[in-house]
Amino acid sequence: MDPKSKMPMDPIFNRPFEYGWKREVVYRTNGNAIDIYYRTPDKKKLRSKPEVREYLKQRTRLKIENFTFKRKALGLDNSKEICRNAYSTERAENNRGGN
């Protein structure tokens, strides 16, 4: 199966986007690995399910069940989900102080 294919979207996963969350799908350079990150409404990058869970306990009423770490794009527009290759121009700009 193509790692860049999209998975069917369960409506429960829409909830974070209603509150300003963003999902990032990063295709690693070897082509086999995919990383999933979430950005909070205050722009904090969360890199794992435990990080999201901890953030949720402290700041929101969303549940961990509202987030998916399946390694596929959900097929949302760029305002909600960013799909990119690792070490893309965007990442290089972020490493220079853009984040």
C-alpha atoms as a PDB file:
ATOM      1  CA  MET A   1       0.000   0.000   0.000  1.00  0.00           C
ATOM      2  CA  ASP A   2       1.233   3.499  -0.844  1.00  0.00           C
ATOM      3  CA  PRO A   3       2.380   5.217   2.387  1.00  0.00           C
ATOM      4  CA  LYS A   4       1.138   8.558   1.028  1.00  0.00           C
ATOM      5  CA  SER A   5      -2.410   7.328   0.493  1.00  0.00           C
ATOM      6  CA  LYS A   6      -5.208   8.782   2.584  1.00  0.00           C
ATOM      7  CA  MET A   7      -7.241   6.920   5.159  1.00  0.00           C
ATOM      8  CA  PRO A   8     -11.009   7.240   5.585  1.00  0.00           C
ATOM      9  CA  MET A   9     -11.749   9.932   8.157  1.00  0.00           C
ATOM     10  CA  ASP A  10     -13.711   9.078  11.289  1.00  0.00           C
ATOM     11  CA  PRO A  11     -15.716  12.195  12.319  1.00  0.00           C
ATOM     12  CA  ILE A  12     -14.375  11.906  15.883  1.00  0.00           C
ATOM     13  CA  PHE A  13     -10.983  13.053  14.551  1.00  0.00           C
ATOM     14  CA  ASN A  14     -12.487  16.358  13.295  1.00  0.00           C
ATOM     15  CA  ARG A  15     -12.977  17.764  16.769  1.00  0.00           C
ATOM     16  CA  PRO A  16      -9.429  19.081  17.395  1.00  0.00           C
ATOM     17  CA  PHE A  17      -9.538  21.092  14.161  1.00  0.00           C
ATOM     18  CA  GLU A  18     -12.635  22.924  15.420  1.00  0.00           C
ATOM     19  CA  TYR A  19     -10.406  24.298  18.198  1.00  0.00           C
ATOM     20  CA  GLY A  20      -7.478  25.318  15.995  1.00  0.00           C
ATOM     21  CA  TRP A  21      -5.306  22.199  16.147  1.00  0.00           C
ATOM     22  CA  LYS A  22      -3.250  21.149  13.107  1.00  0.00           C
ATOM     23  CA  ARG A  23      -1.966  17.727  12.104  1.00  0.00           C
ATOM     24  CA  GLU A  24       1.373  17.248  10.391  1.00  0.00           C
ATOM     25  CA  VAL A  25       2.274  14.174   8.333  1.00  0.00           C
ATOM     26  CA  VAL A  26       6.011  13.912   7.633  1.00  0.00           C
ATOM     27  CA  TYR A  27       7.292  11.382   5.112  1.00  0.00           C
ATOM     28  CA  ARG A  28      10.819  10.319   6.078  1.00  0.00           C
ATOM     29  CA  THR A  29      13.557  10.306   3.466  1.00  0.00           C
ATOM     30  CA  ASN A  30      13.801   6.502   3.350  1.00  0.00           C
ATOM     31  CA  GLY A  31      10.193   6.357   2.145  1.00  0.00           C
ATOM     32  CA  ASN A  32       9.092   3.757   4.688  1.00  0.00           C
ATOM     33  CA  ALA A  33       8.641   5.767   7.872  1.00  0.00           C
ATOM     34  CA  ILE A  34       6.018   8.426   8.522  1.00  0.00           C
ATOM     35  CA  ASP A  35       5.873  10.707  11.554  1.00  0.00           C
ATOM     36  CA  ILE A  36       2.664  12.269  12.849  1.00  0.00           C
ATOM     37  CA  TYR A  37       2.734  15.484  14.864  1.00  0.00           C
ATOM     38  CA  TYR A  38       0.003  17.713  16.230  1.00  0.00           C
ATOM     39  CA  ARG A  39       0.273  21.472  16.674  1.00  0.00           C
ATOM     40  CA  THR A  40      -1.793  22.977  19.448  1.00  0.00           C
ATOM     41  CA  PRO A  41      -3.802  26.187  18.999  1.00  0.00           C
ATOM     42  CA  ASP A  42      -0.908  27.975  20.756  1.00  0.00           C
ATOM     43  CA  LYS A  43       1.527  26.510  18.161  1.00  0.00           C
ATOM     44  CA  LYS A  44       3.223  23.952  20.418  1.00  0.00           C
ATOM     45  CA  LYS A  45       4.420  20.894  18.479  1.00  0.00           C
ATOM     46  CA  LEU A  46       3.494  17.592  20.121  1.00  0.00           C
ATOM     47  CA  ARG A  47       5.412  14.617  18.796  1.00  0.00           C
ATOM     48  CA  SER A  48       3.732  11.625  20.425  1.00  0.00           C
ATOM     49  CA  LYS A  49       0.497  10.286  21.834  1.00  0.00           C
ATOM     50  CA  PRO A  50       1.820  10.630  25.426  1.00  0.00           C
ATOM     51  CA  GLU A  51       2.684  14.302  24.780  1.00  0.00           C
ATOM     52  CA  VAL A  52      -0.816  14.962  23.421  1.00  0.00           C
ATOM     53  CA  ARG A  53      -2.389  13.118  26.359  1.00  0.00           C
ATOM     54  CA  GLU A  54      -0.408  15.220  28.866  1.00  0.00           C
ATOM     55  CA  TYR A  55      -1.305  18.457  27.092  1.00  0.00           C
ATOM     56  CA  LEU A  56      -4.989  17.498  27.076  1.00  0.00           C
ATOM     57  CA  LYS A  57      -5.000  16.876  30.838  1.00  0.00           C
ATOM     58  CA  GLN A  58      -3.735  20.371  31.497  1.00  0.00           C
ATOM     59  CA  ARG A  59      -5.471  22.581  28.976  1.00  0.00           C
ATOM     60  CA  THR A  60      -8.537  21.256  27.178  1.00  0.00           C
ATOM     61  CA  ARG A  61     -11.650  19.133  27.269  1.00  0.00           C
ATOM     62  CA  LEU A  62     -10.714  17.189  24.150  1.00  0.00           C
ATOM     63  CA  LYS A  63      -9.975  13.502  24.630  1.00  0.00           C
ATOM     64  CA  ILE A  64      -7.093  11.432  23.323  1.00  0.00           C
ATOM     65  CA  GLU A  65      -9.693   9.517  21.295  1.00  0.00           C
ATOM     66  CA  ASN A  66     -10.094  12.672  19.165  1.00  0.00           C
ATOM     67  CA  PHE A  67      -6.542  12.242  17.840  1.00  0.00           C
ATOM     68  CA  THR A  68      -5.156   9.669  15.455  1.00  0.00           C
ATOM     69  CA  PHE A  69      -1.520   8.730  15.055  1.00  0.00           C
ATOM     70  CA  LYS A  70      -2.169   6.332  12.184  1.00  0.00           C
ATOM     71  CA  ARG A  71       0.572   6.917   9.689  1.00  0.00           C
ATOM     72  CA  LYS A  72      -1.623   8.178   6.874  1.00  0.00           C
ATOM     73  CA  ALA A  73      -2.942  11.523   5.742  1.00  0.00           C
ATOM     74  CA  LEU A  74      -6.555  12.220   6.642  1.00  0.00           C
ATOM     75  CA  GLY A  75      -7.085  14.145   3.406  1.00  0.00           C
ATOM     76  CA  LEU A  76      -7.878  17.497   5.009  1.00  0.00           C
ATOM     77  CA  ASP A  77      -7.092  20.911   3.578  1.00  0.00           C
ATOM     78  CA  ASN A  78      -3.777  22.600   4.416  1.00  0.00           C
ATOM     79  CA  SER A  79      -5.326  24.737   7.138  1.00  0.00           C
ATOM     80  CA  LYS A  80      -5.856  21.539   9.164  1.00  0.00           C
ATOM     81  CA  GLU A  81      -3.319  19.015   7.903  1.00  0.00           C
ATOM     82  CA  ILE A  82       0.131  19.579   6.441  1.00  0.00           C
ATOM     83  CA  CYS A  83       1.768  16.752   4.494  1.00  0.00           C
ATOM     84  CA  ARG A  84       5.448  17.172   3.691  1.00  0.00           C
ATOM     85  CA  ASN A  85       8.692  15.354   3.167  1.00  0.00           C
ATOM     86  CA  ALA A  86      11.282  15.387   5.946  1.00  0.00           C
ATOM     87  CA  TYR A  87      13.925  18.071   5.505  1.00  0.00           C
ATOM     88  CA  SER A  88      11.694  20.079   3.204  1.00  0.00           C
ATOM     89  CA  THR A  89      12.194  23.808   2.715  1.00  0.00           C
ATOM     90  CA  GLU A  90       9.565  24.466   5.375  1.00  0.00           C
ATOM     91  CA  ARG A  91      11.544  22.479   7.932  1.00  0.00           C
ATOM     92  CA  ALA A  92      14.798  24.189   6.994  1.00  0.00           C
ATOM     93  CA  GLU A  93      13.142  27.589   7.483  1.00  0.00           C
ATOM     94  CA  ASN A  94      11.777  26.510  10.867  1.00  0.00           C
ATOM     95  CA  ASN A  95      15.245  25.398  11.957  1.00  0.00           C
ATOM     96  CA  ARG A  96      16.606  28.850  11.111  1.00  0.00           C
ATOM     97  CA  GLY A  97      14.382  30.482  13.693  1.00  0.00           C
ATOM     98  CA  GLY A  98      10.978  30.552  12.047  1.00  0.00           C
ATOM     99  CA  ASN A  99       9.569  28.445  14.899  1.00  0.00           C
END
